[in-house]
Amino acid sequence: MGKATSDRAINIIQQGATNLIAHTRKLNRIKACLTEILPEPVNSHFDILNVRDGVLILMTDSPAWATRIRFLEPQLISSLAEKRMLKVRQIQVKIRLP
């Protein structure tokens, strides 16, 4: 492998790592915002899996928490937009398997 090829590979890896770190920070900011928005005790029973194509994907501990979050979906979407945190059109809620 020539120097130019290895330099290009290093640049690609560094850019990927930079993008991954930026996405992780974004997800952490969204989680902190949702923790403030969601009522207790719902706010301690979810994790963020991803945000992609206008869809926020959450995971909950049980079907009961998933139902509560789905019920709050319109309010969550509005609150996230009002806080200029995130503009999403849908929230998907998945349930963590035991």
Protein backbone atom coordinates (compact mmCIF):
# COMPACT_ATOMS: atom_id res chain seq x y z
CA MET A 1 0.00 0.00 0.00
CA GLY A 2 1.46 3.36 -1.01
CA LYS A 3 1.67 6.42 1.21
CA ALA A 4 -1.12 8.21 -0.68
CA THR A 5 -3.43 5.21 -0.27
CA SER A 6 -2.70 4.86 3.43
CA ASP A 7 -3.17 8.64 3.96
CA ARG A 8 -6.52 8.43 2.18
CA ALA A 9 -7.56 5.46 4.35
CA ILE A 10 -6.58 7.35 7.51
CA ASN A 11 -8.60 10.39 6.38
CA ILE A 12 -11.66 8.23 5.71
CA ILE A 13 -11.39 6.59 9.13
CA GLN A 14 -10.91 9.94 10.88
CA GLN A 15 -13.92 11.44 9.09
CA GLY A 16 -16.04 8.42 10.02
CA ALA A 17 -14.97 8.70 13.66
CA THR A 18 -15.72 12.44 13.65
CA ASN A 19 -19.20 11.81 12.21
CA LEU A 20 -19.88 9.06 14.74
CA ILE A 21 -18.83 11.26 17.66
CA ALA A 22 -21.01 14.14 16.39
CA HIS A 23 -24.02 11.81 16.01
CA THR A 24 -23.50 10.38 19.51
CA ARG A 25 -23.37 13.88 21.00
CA LYS A 26 -26.57 14.79 19.15
CA LEU A 27 -28.33 11.71 20.54
CA ASN A 28 -27.14 12.57 24.06
CA ARG A 29 -28.53 16.13 23.73
CA ILE A 30 -31.86 14.76 22.50
CA LYS A 31 -32.01 12.27 25.39
CA ALA A 32 -31.36 15.05 27.92
CA CYS A 33 -34.11 17.16 26.36
CA LEU A 34 -36.59 14.26 26.33
CA THR A 35 -35.75 13.46 29.95
CA GLU A 36 -36.86 17.00 30.84
CA ILE A 37 -39.99 16.84 28.66
CA LEU A 38 -41.27 13.42 29.67
CA PRO A 39 -43.11 13.15 32.97
CA GLU A 40 -41.75 11.06 35.81
CA PRO A 41 -41.42 8.08 35.96
CA VAL A 42 -41.60 7.66 32.15
CA ASN A 43 -38.44 9.74 31.75
CA SER A 44 -36.27 7.07 33.32
CA HIS A 45 -37.52 4.17 31.21
CA PHE A 46 -36.28 4.95 27.70
CA ASP A 47 -33.14 5.12 25.60
CA ILE A 48 -32.54 6.65 22.20
CA LEU A 49 -31.52 4.22 19.49
CA ASN A 50 -31.26 6.59 16.53
CA VAL A 51 -32.63 9.50 14.54
CA ARG A 52 -32.90 9.02 10.80
CA ASP A 53 -35.02 10.41 7.99
CA GLY A 54 -37.27 12.38 10.34
CA VAL A 55 -37.89 9.42 12.64
CA LEU A 56 -36.78 9.31 16.27
CA ILE A 57 -36.34 5.72 17.43
CA LEU A 58 -36.66 5.03 21.16
CA MET A 59 -36.41 1.87 23.24
CA THR A 60 -38.33 1.25 26.45
CA ASP A 61 -38.20 -1.26 29.28
CA SER A 62 -41.69 -2.67 28.76
CA PRO A 63 -44.87 -2.48 26.67
CA ALA A 64 -46.45 -0.27 29.34
CA TRP A 65 -43.77 2.42 28.97
CA ALA A 66 -43.94 2.13 25.18
CA THR A 67 -47.69 2.78 25.33
CA ARG A 68 -47.20 5.85 27.53
CA ILE A 69 -44.58 7.27 25.16
CA ARG A 70 -46.71 6.56 22.09
CA PHE A 71 -49.59 8.39 23.76
CA LEU A 72 -47.29 11.40 24.28
CA GLU A 73 -45.86 11.32 20.74
CA PRO A 74 -47.63 14.46 19.41
CA GLN A 75 -46.54 16.47 22.46
CA LEU A 76 -42.98 15.19 22.23
CA ILE A 77 -42.69 16.08 18.55
CA SER A 78 -44.03 19.58 19.26
CA SER A 79 -41.81 20.12 22.28
CA LEU A 80 -38.67 19.02 20.44
CA ALA A 81 -39.50 21.39 17.58
CA GLU A 82 -40.27 24.29 19.97
CA LYS A 83 -36.95 23.82 21.73
CA ARG A 84 -35.27 23.74 18.29
CA MET A 85 -33.75 20.47 19.36
CA LEU A 86 -35.03 18.27 16.56
CA LYS A 87 -37.64 18.25 13.84
CA VAL A 88 -39.15 14.79 13.50
CA ARG A 89 -42.34 13.60 11.88
CA GLN A 90 -42.62 10.34 13.81
CA ILE A 91 -41.41 8.58 16.93
CA GLN A 92 -41.00 4.81 16.81
CA VAL A 93 -40.92 2.99 20.12
CA LYS A 94 -39.32 -0.42 20.42
CA ILE A 95 -39.41 -2.67 23.47
CA ARG A 96 -36.23 -4.07 24.98
CA LEU A 97 -36.32 -7.85 25.07
CA PRO A 98 -35.56 -9.48 28.41
